[in-house]
Protein backbone atom coordinates (compact mmCIF):
# COMPACT_ATOMS: atom_id res chain seq x y z
CA MET A 1 301.92 96.39 67.17
CA GLY A 2 303.06 99.91 67.86
CA ALA A 3 301.44 99.63 71.08
CA ALA A 4 302.80 96.64 72.05
CA TYR A 5 306.22 97.73 71.65
CA THR A 6 305.87 100.77 73.33
CA GLY A 7 304.73 98.95 76.50
CA ASP A 8 307.84 97.11 76.09
CA VAL A 9 309.82 100.13 75.90
CA PHE A 10 308.11 101.44 79.10
CA ARG A 11 308.93 98.47 80.93
CA ARG A 12 312.54 98.56 80.71
CA TRP A 13 312.12 102.28 81.80
CA ARG A 14 310.00 101.55 84.69
CA PRO A 15 309.76 97.55 85.52
CA ILE A 16 306.19 95.88 87.52
CA GLY A 17 307.42 95.97 90.89
CA LYS A 18 306.11 92.48 92.79
CA ASN A 19 303.45 94.12 94.54
CA GLU A 20 302.08 95.21 91.59
CA ARG A 21 302.27 91.87 89.34
CA GLU A 22 299.32 89.97 90.84
CA ASP A 23 296.95 93.45 90.31
CA PHE A 24 298.70 93.83 86.69
CA ASN A 25 297.66 90.16 85.40
CA THR A 26 293.96 90.84 86.68
CA VAL A 27 293.89 94.16 84.82
CA LEU A 28 295.45 92.55 82.05
CA THR A 29 293.06 89.68 82.07
CA ALA A 30 290.36 91.82 82.44
CA THR A 31 291.18 94.11 79.54
CA LEU A 32 291.79 90.95 77.08
CA THR A 33 288.41 89.57 78.32
CA LEU A 34 286.35 92.97 77.14
CA LEU A 35 288.14 92.80 73.91
CA ALA A 36 287.26 89.70 73.15
CA LEU A 37 283.86 90.19 74.24
CA ILE A 38 283.26 93.39 72.28
CA ILE A 39 284.75 91.61 68.91
CA GLY A 40 282.46 88.73 69.61
CA PHE A 41 279.72 91.55 69.70
CA SER A 42 280.37 93.30 66.66
CA PHE A 43 281.04 90.36 64.85
CA SER A 44 277.59 89.15 65.47
CA MET A 45 276.24 92.84 64.57
CA ALA A 46 277.97 92.45 61.12
CA VAL A 47 276.30 88.63 60.31
CA SER A 48 273.18 89.55 61.71
CA ARG A 49 273.08 92.87 59.37
CA TYR A 50 274.95 90.43 56.54
CA ASP A 51 271.31 87.97 57.01
CA GLN A 52 269.33 90.95 56.98
CA ARG A 53 270.47 91.82 53.63
CA LYS A 54 270.30 88.72 52.31
CA ASN A 55 266.67 88.02 53.31
CA ASN A 56 265.62 91.52 52.14
CA GLU A 57 266.84 90.90 48.40
CA GLU A 58 265.10 87.36 48.78
CA ALA A 59 261.78 89.42 49.85
CA GLU A 60 262.26 91.93 46.87
CA ALA A 61 262.54 89.27 44.34
CA ASN A 62 259.51 87.15 45.21
CA ALA A 63 258.12 90.55 45.77
CA ILE A 64 258.90 91.36 42.09
CA GLY A 65 258.28 87.46 40.69
CA THR A 66 254.83 87.66 42.54
CA GLU A 67 253.73 91.17 40.66
CA TYR A 68 254.77 89.89 37.56
CA ALA A 69 252.61 87.20 37.54
CA ARG A 70 249.63 89.21 39.18
CA ALA A 71 250.31 91.52 35.76
CA ASP A 72 248.07 88.71 34.16
CA LEU A 73 244.96 90.04 36.64
CA LEU A 74 245.14 93.99 34.36
CA PRO A 75 243.75 94.71 31.35
CA THR A 76 245.99 93.37 28.22
CA ASP A 77 247.81 96.34 27.12
CA ASP A 78 248.31 97.65 31.05
CA GLY A 79 249.42 94.08 31.73
CA THR A 80 251.51 93.69 29.19
CA LYS A 81 253.15 97.40 29.79
CA LEU A 82 253.33 96.53 33.45
CA ARG A 83 255.68 93.10 32.30
CA GLU A 84 257.81 95.01 30.55
CA LEU A 85 258.61 97.74 33.24
CA LEU A 86 259.12 94.92 35.97
CA ARG A 87 261.80 93.23 33.71
CA ARG A 88 263.42 96.28 33.15
CA TYR A 89 263.22 97.04 36.96
CA VAL A 90 264.69 93.91 38.15
CA ASN A 91 267.93 94.23 35.99
CA GLN A 92 268.42 97.41 37.61
CA ARG A 93 268.11 95.66 40.93
CA ILE A 94 270.94 93.37 39.81
CA LEU A 95 272.99 96.19 39.18
CA PHE A 96 272.10 97.66 41.95
CA TYR A 97 274.03 94.73 44.12
CA HIS A 98 277.18 93.54 41.95
CA GLY A 99 277.58 96.87 39.58
CA ASP A 100 280.31 99.25 39.64
CA ASP A 101 280.12 102.87 41.15
CA SER A 102 278.79 104.22 38.19
CA GLN A 103 276.19 101.46 37.17
CA ILE A 104 275.34 101.64 40.94
CA SER A 105 274.45 105.10 40.53
CA GLU A 106 272.83 104.98 37.18
CA ALA A 107 270.69 102.15 38.75
CA ALA A 108 269.27 104.12 41.55
CA SER A 109 268.36 107.01 39.17
CA GLU A 110 266.55 104.50 36.77
CA ALA A 111 265.09 102.46 39.29
CA GLN A 112 263.49 105.51 41.13
CA LYS A 113 261.71 106.55 37.40
CA LEU A 114 260.93 103.02 36.84
CA GLN A 115 259.08 102.93 40.31
CA ALA A 116 256.88 105.94 39.42
CA GLU A 117 255.92 104.18 36.02
CA LEU A 118 255.23 101.14 37.88
CA TRP A 119 253.00 102.52 40.36
CA SER A 120 251.04 105.01 37.60
CA ARG A 121 250.21 102.03 35.27
CA VAL A 122 248.70 100.24 38.05
CA VAL A 123 246.54 103.38 39.65
CA GLN A 124 245.67 103.97 36.08
CA ALA A 125 244.35 100.57 35.51
CA ALA A 126 243.06 100.65 39.05
CA ALA A 127 241.17 103.71 38.30
CA ALA A 128 239.31 102.66 35.12
CA GLN A 129 238.63 99.51 36.52
CA SER A 130 237.93 99.32 40.56
CA THR A 131 237.45 95.61 40.93
CA PRO A 132 239.34 93.02 44.08
CA VAL A 133 241.13 91.44 41.29
CA VAL A 134 242.84 94.82 40.25
CA ALA A 135 243.48 95.51 43.69
CA LEU A 136 245.86 92.38 43.98
CA ALA A 137 247.81 94.02 41.54
CA VAL A 138 247.89 97.09 43.51
CA SER A 139 248.99 95.18 46.62
CA GLY A 140 251.55 93.63 44.87
CA MET A 141 252.81 96.62 43.77
CA ASN A 142 252.96 98.19 47.24
CA ASP A 143 254.92 95.21 47.94
CA VAL A 144 257.95 95.92 45.64
CA LEU A 145 258.10 98.97 46.20
CA ASN A 146 258.28 98.79 49.95
CA SER A 147 260.94 95.79 49.26
CA GLN A 148 262.89 98.23 48.18
CA GLY A 149 262.70 100.89 50.82
CA TYR A 150 263.83 97.84 53.45
CA THR A 151 266.56 96.69 51.11
CA GLN A 152 267.96 100.13 51.08
CA ALA A 153 267.78 100.95 54.81
CA ALA A 154 269.29 97.45 55.51
CA TRP A 155 272.56 98.41 53.31
CA GLY A 156 272.63 101.81 55.03
CA ASN A 157 272.34 100.13 58.40
CA ARG A 158 276.01 99.47 59.41
CA ILE A 159 277.98 98.97 62.71
CA PRO A 160 278.28 102.50 64.50
CA ALA A 161 281.50 104.26 64.51
CA ALA A 162 281.41 104.39 68.10
CA ALA A 163 281.59 100.29 68.69
CA TRP A 164 284.97 100.66 65.85
CA ILE A 165 286.51 103.46 68.13
CA LEU A 166 285.61 101.26 71.45
CA MET A 167 287.18 98.41 69.92
CA GLY A 168 290.30 99.80 68.85
CA LEU A 169 290.82 101.77 72.13
CA ILE A 170 290.62 98.74 73.75
CA ALA A 171 292.74 96.60 71.78
CA ILE A 172 295.38 99.60 71.81
CA VAL A 173 295.36 99.32 75.67
CA CYS A 174 295.57 95.51 75.37
CA ASN A 175 298.88 95.89 73.33
CA LEU A 176 300.23 98.59 76.00
CA LEU A 177 299.68 96.40 78.60
CA LEU A 178 301.00 92.72 76.94
CA GLY A 179 304.22 95.34 75.93
CA TYR A 180 304.40 96.13 79.69
CA ARG A 181 303.99 92.57 81.38
CA GLU A 182 307.39 90.72 82.07
CA ARG A 183 308.27 87.78 79.95
CA SER A 184 310.69 85.58 78.94
CA ALA A 185 309.82 84.95 75.20
CA GLY A 186 311.76 87.36 73.01
CA LEU A 187 309.89 90.32 71.36
CA LEU A 188 308.08 88.54 68.14
CA VAL A 189 305.58 87.12 71.14
CA LEU A 190 304.29 91.03 71.06
CA LEU A 191 303.40 90.03 67.86
CA VAL A 192 300.43 87.69 68.18
CA VAL A 193 297.69 89.87 69.85
CA PRO A 194 298.14 92.51 67.03
CA ILE A 195 297.72 90.12 63.95
CA VAL A 196 294.94 88.47 65.82
CA ALA A 197 293.03 91.11 66.28
CA SER A 198 293.61 92.87 62.97
CA ILE A 199 292.20 89.62 61.39
CA ALA A 200 289.08 89.66 63.32
CA PHE A 201 288.60 93.39 63.05
CA PHE A 202 289.02 92.89 58.97
CA LEU A 203 286.58 89.97 58.72
CA ILE A 204 284.02 92.33 61.09
CA ALA A 205 284.61 95.03 58.58
CA ASP A 206 284.34 92.96 55.03
CA ILE A 207 281.15 90.89 56.28
CA ASP A 208 279.74 94.76 57.60
CA SER A 209 280.45 96.47 54.07
CA PRO A 210 277.62 95.65 51.74
CA ARG A 211 279.93 96.33 48.51
CA GLY A 212 283.19 96.43 49.34
CA GLY A 213 285.44 92.78 50.36
CA VAL A 214 285.02 89.53 49.54
CA ILE A 215 281.84 88.57 51.46
CA ARG A 216 279.00 90.31 49.55
CA VAL A 217 275.02 89.71 49.07
CA ILE A 218 275.00 88.12 45.48
CA PRO A 219 271.21 88.67 44.24
CA HIS A 220 270.64 84.58 43.27
CA ASN A 221 267.15 85.33 43.86
CA LEU A 222 267.12 88.20 41.85
CA ILE A 223 268.49 87.04 39.08
CA GLY A 224 266.62 83.80 38.92
CA VAL A 225 263.35 86.18 39.08
CA SER A 226 264.94 88.14 35.64
CA GLN A 227 265.42 84.68 34.00
CA SER A 228 262.24 83.37 34.80
CA MET A 229 260.75 86.54 33.26
CA ASN A 230 262.50 86.14 30.28
CA ALA A 231 262.00 82.66 29.57
CA ARG A 232 258.29 83.64 30.31
CA GLN A 233 258.15 85.91 27.36
CA ASN A 234 260.16 84.05 25.10
CA ALA A 235 257.75 81.60 25.49
CA SER A 236 255.00 83.46 24.89
CA PRO A 237 253.14 83.84 21.30
């Protein structure tokens, strides 16, 4: 908005000449088109990253649920301990998605400890009884650990700062040019592009932000796996 009104002030000081209007309109059109393209490109980047976070949450829930079922392949004591650790682990992963800052930090630390215990448990079982059946439990645990790493990487994959800077600079230039252009309407018309661009920027930032904002990844699949685990535990004799 400040850029638009700055352009309007500059226009009053140095109006556009008749011979310059055609070239000015061409530059303005090209700049607005570039702004629309980069906003669309950034929106596409944000949506793809959001979808990636959702897909990774689903994959992580499937890996945990599969390993919970494969715990039956281990000896009774190892299987019981592994299922208990997985129930604790999935609760920490749920907190990772929608806990507050203190809970998230604590959940990440606790999840790392549980990962070490989970891996130690299946390795101990595989060392004691090295069979293809036990190897399935080891493979499933590897998927659980890998899925957490993929999720962590996806949450750190954000729109680059250079893209935000470029969008901001182009938006400022567009509004300067709009303010500088001759028009018959009042100054309120200068509010249109700043407001529309700000809404677009807000939507992109909201989708791109894993934890903040309105649009967030809800761990429905992990919650479902946790409920299934609890139901199975309560049903077991």
